[in-house]
C-alpha cells in the first residue's frame, strides 16, 4: 500500500518558488532553503538560520500538522481554525448547551473518522457546525457562518471552497464522496439532539 503524503510536503507539487537561497546573517554564505525548512545550520559558520519564507500555511488548520512539522507545530492549536470554528459555534449556540455538547461529541468523532480516512478535518467540522447552527436557527446559511469565522482568522480559500461544496452536496442529498459520507455519519450525532 502506498503511503499518502501531504501535497504541501510532496515535492511533486512544488514550484520553483518553493526552493530559495538566503544569505546567512552571520557570515554571508548562501544557504538553500526548501519551503518546509524551519531553520538550517549555515554550512560555513554553523550558525542556525531561520527560513524567512517559512509559512505554517495549512498547519494552521490541518489535523495532522504535528505529524508533518513535529514539535514546531505545538502551540498552533491555540490559534488553529478548528479552534476558531469551535469557539464561534459555542458563541452562537450559547443558549443551547445540549447542542454544544452534541457538537463537541461530533467533533471528537470527526477527528477520529478523518484520521482513519486520511481526509481533511476542517471542512467536516465546519460542516457539522453549519448544519447544527441551521438546525437551531442560529444561522440561515453556510455563508453566514463562513464569513463570521473568516473575520476572526483567515480561512484558506481551498478549505472554504471544500466546505461550501460539502455543505451544498449534503443539502442536495448527494452523498457520493468520502467527505460527504463522513459528514453524513457525523451529523447523526447532531440529528439525535
Protein backbone atom coordinates (compact mmCIF):
# COMPACT_ATOMS: atom_id res chain seq x y z
CA UNK A 1 0.00 0.00 0.00
CA UNK A 2 1.30 3.44 -0.90
CA UNK A 3 1.73 5.89 1.95
CA UNK A 4 -0.18 9.12 1.46
CA UNK A 5 1.75 12.34 1.74
CA UNK A 6 0.53 15.87 2.27
CA UNK A 7 0.58 17.68 -1.12
CA UNK A 8 2.25 20.65 0.57
CA UNK A 9 5.12 18.38 1.68
CA UNK A 10 5.23 16.35 -1.54
CA UNK A 11 7.93 17.75 -3.86
CA UNK A 12 5.97 16.61 -6.92
CA UNK A 13 3.60 19.53 -6.31
CA UNK A 14 6.27 22.16 -5.63
CA UNK A 15 7.10 25.11 -7.86
CA UNK A 16 10.39 26.97 -8.32
CA UNK A 17 9.29 29.38 -5.56
CA UNK A 18 9.36 26.55 -3.02
CA UNK A 19 13.19 26.42 -3.02
CA UNK A 20 15.21 29.57 -2.50
CA UNK A 21 18.56 30.86 -1.26
CA UNK A 22 19.19 33.31 1.56
CA UNK A 23 22.39 34.82 2.89
CA UNK A 24 23.49 33.83 6.36
CA UNK A 25 23.13 36.95 8.51
CA UNK A 26 26.34 35.98 10.37
CA UNK A 27 28.83 35.33 7.55
CA UNK A 28 27.03 35.99 4.24
CA UNK A 29 27.25 32.39 2.99
CA UNK A 30 24.33 31.39 0.74
CA UNK A 31 22.00 28.79 2.29
CA UNK A 32 19.49 26.82 0.19
CA UNK A 33 16.10 26.54 1.91
CA UNK A 34 13.23 24.28 0.96
CA UNK A 35 9.83 25.70 1.88
CA UNK A 36 9.49 23.05 4.59
CA UNK A 37 12.77 24.00 6.33
CA UNK A 38 12.11 25.92 9.53
CA UNK A 39 15.78 26.67 10.15
CA UNK A 40 19.10 25.33 8.87
CA UNK A 41 22.67 25.42 10.03
CA UNK A 42 24.94 27.58 7.87
CA UNK A 43 27.50 25.32 6.13
CA UNK A 44 30.22 27.92 6.72
CA UNK A 45 29.83 29.38 10.24
CA UNK A 46 27.45 26.73 11.67
CA UNK A 47 25.05 29.47 12.85
CA UNK A 48 21.38 28.35 12.93
CA UNK A 49 19.44 30.47 10.44
CA UNK A 50 15.64 30.73 10.32
CA UNK A 51 13.94 30.38 6.96
CA UNK A 52 12.42 33.83 6.32
CA UNK A 53 9.90 32.36 3.88
CA UNK A 54 8.74 29.52 6.09
CA UNK A 55 4.95 29.60 6.27
CA UNK A 56 2.90 27.35 8.52
CA UNK A 57 0.13 27.57 5.92
CA UNK A 58 -2.10 24.53 6.20
CA UNK A 59 -0.64 23.67 9.60
CA UNK A 60 -2.95 26.37 10.94
CA UNK A 61 -5.93 24.14 10.24
CA UNK A 62 -4.76 20.62 9.40
CA UNK A 63 -5.41 17.91 11.97
CA UNK A 64 -2.09 16.29 11.06
CA UNK A 65 0.10 19.40 11.42
CA UNK A 66 2.08 18.00 14.31
CA UNK A 67 2.84 14.83 12.33
CA UNK A 68 4.12 16.94 9.41
CA UNK A 69 6.01 19.60 11.32
CA UNK A 70 6.81 17.79 14.54
CA UNK A 71 7.40 19.85 17.67
CA UNK A 72 7.35 23.14 15.72
CA UNK A 73 3.58 22.73 15.28
CA UNK A 74 2.97 22.75 19.05
CA UNK A 75 1.08 25.84 20.07
CA UNK A 76 -0.60 26.27 16.70
CA UNK A 77 -3.74 24.61 18.02
CA UNK A 78 -4.43 27.64 20.18
CA UNK A 79 -4.90 29.71 17.04
CA UNK A 80 -5.98 26.97 14.68
CA UNK A 81 -9.04 27.36 12.53
CA UNK A 82 -10.52 24.29 14.20
CA UNK A 83 -10.46 26.17 17.50
CA UNK A 84 -11.91 29.30 15.81
CA UNK A 85 -14.77 27.18 14.39
CA UNK A 86 -15.41 25.59 17.80
CA UNK A 87 -15.36 28.93 19.64
CA UNK A 88 -17.65 30.61 17.11
CA UNK A 89 -20.06 27.67 17.33
CA UNK A 90 -20.15 27.94 21.13
CA UNK A 91 -20.71 31.69 20.91
CA UNK A 92 -23.65 31.35 18.53
CA UNK A 93 -25.19 28.33 20.30
CA UNK A 94 -24.62 29.58 23.86
CA UNK A 95 -28.36 29.29 24.64
CA UNK A 96 -28.35 25.63 23.56
CA UNK A 97 -25.95 23.79 25.93
CA UNK A 98 -27.25 20.41 24.76
CA UNK A 99 -26.27 21.31 21.18
CA UNK A 100 -22.82 22.48 22.29
CA UNK A 101 -22.32 19.12 23.98
CA UNK A 102 -23.53 17.27 20.87
CA UNK A 103 -21.20 19.39 18.71
CA UNK A 104 -18.23 18.50 20.94
CA UNK A 105 -19.13 14.81 20.64
CA UNK A 106 -19.43 15.20 16.87
CA UNK A 107 -16.07 16.98 16.72
CA UNK A 108 -14.35 14.14 18.56
CA UNK A 109 -15.98 11.61 16.24
CA UNK A 110 -14.94 13.71 13.21
CA UNK A 111 -11.32 13.84 14.36
CA UNK A 112 -11.26 10.06 14.65
CA UNK A 113 -13.02 9.45 11.31
CA UNK A 114 -10.90 11.98 9.42
CA UNK A 115 -7.71 10.48 10.80
CA UNK A 116 -8.92 6.99 9.89
CA UNK A 117 -9.89 8.02 6.33
CA UNK A 118 -6.91 10.41 5.93
CA UNK A 119 -9.12 13.33 4.93
CA UNK A 120 -9.07 16.99 5.86
CA UNK A 121 -10.90 17.55 9.12
CA UNK A 122 -11.59 21.31 8.83
CA UNK A 123 -14.40 21.12 6.22
CA UNK A 124 -16.03 18.26 8.13
CA UNK A 125 -16.05 20.07 11.48
CA UNK A 126 -17.13 23.32 9.82
CA UNK A 127 -19.91 21.44 8.02
CA UNK A 128 -21.09 19.93 11.30
CA UNK A 129 -21.12 23.42 12.86
CA UNK A 130 -23.11 24.84 9.94
CA UNK A 131 -25.76 22.11 9.93
CA UNK A 132 -26.11 22.22 13.73
CA UNK A 133 -26.46 26.02 13.78
CA UNK A 134 -29.05 25.92 10.99
CA UNK A 135 -30.96 23.24 12.92
CA UNK A 136 -31.28 25.50 15.99
CA UNK A 137 -31.96 28.62 13.84
CA UNK A 138 -28.78 30.46 14.82
CA UNK A 139 -27.78 30.97 11.17
CA UNK A 140 -29.71 30.76 7.92
CA UNK A 141 -27.00 29.51 5.57
CA UNK A 142 -23.38 28.33 5.31
CA UNK A 143 -22.01 31.66 4.09
CA UNK A 144 -23.18 33.43 7.25
CA UNK A 145 -21.02 31.17 9.42
CA UNK A 146 -18.07 31.08 7.00
CA UNK A 147 -17.97 34.89 6.87
CA UNK A 148 -18.03 35.11 10.67
CA UNK A 149 -15.10 32.74 11.16
CA UNK A 150 -13.19 34.27 8.24
CA UNK A 151 -13.37 37.63 10.06
CA UNK A 152 -11.71 36.07 13.11
CA UNK A 153 -8.93 34.31 11.21
CA UNK A 154 -8.30 33.94 7.51
CA UNK A 155 -9.81 30.72 6.25
CA UNK A 156 -7.78 29.07 3.42
CA UNK A 157 -9.63 29.50 0.12
CA UNK A 158 -9.31 25.79 -0.62
CA UNK A 159 -10.94 24.92 2.70
CA UNK A 160 -13.73 27.48 2.11
CA UNK A 161 -14.48 26.01 -1.30
CA UNK A 162 -14.32 22.45 0.04
CA UNK A 163 -16.67 23.31 2.91
CA UNK A 164 -19.21 25.04 0.64
CA UNK A 165 -19.18 22.13 -1.81
CA UNK A 166 -19.55 19.63 1.02
CA UNK A 167 -22.49 21.51 2.58
CA UNK A 168 -24.14 22.04 -0.83
CA UNK A 169 -23.79 18.35 -1.73
CA UNK A 170 -25.27 17.17 1.57
CA UNK A 171 -28.09 19.72 1.35
CA UNK A 172 -28.90 18.38 -2.12
CA UNK A 173 -28.75 14.77 -0.91
CA UNK A 174 -25.55 14.00 -2.86
CA UNK A 175 -23.62 11.64 -0.61
CA UNK A 176 -21.17 10.15 -3.08
CA UNK A 177 -17.65 11.13 -1.97
CA UNK A 178 -15.75 10.08 1.14
CA UNK A 179 -16.07 13.50 2.74
CA UNK A 180 -19.83 13.58 2.19
CA UNK A 181 -20.17 10.11 3.66
CA UNK A 182 -18.10 11.01 6.72
CA UNK A 183 -20.01 14.26 7.31
CA UNK A 184 -23.31 12.44 6.90
CA UNK A 185 -22.26 9.85 9.52
CA UNK A 186 -21.02 12.55 11.93
CA UNK A 187 -24.26 14.54 11.57
CA UNK A 188 -26.12 11.61 13.11
CA UNK A 189 -24.75 12.77 16.48
CA UNK A 190 -26.28 16.23 15.88
CA UNK A 191 -29.54 14.91 14.40
CA UNK A 192 -30.16 12.82 17.51
CA UNK A 193 -30.42 16.04 19.54
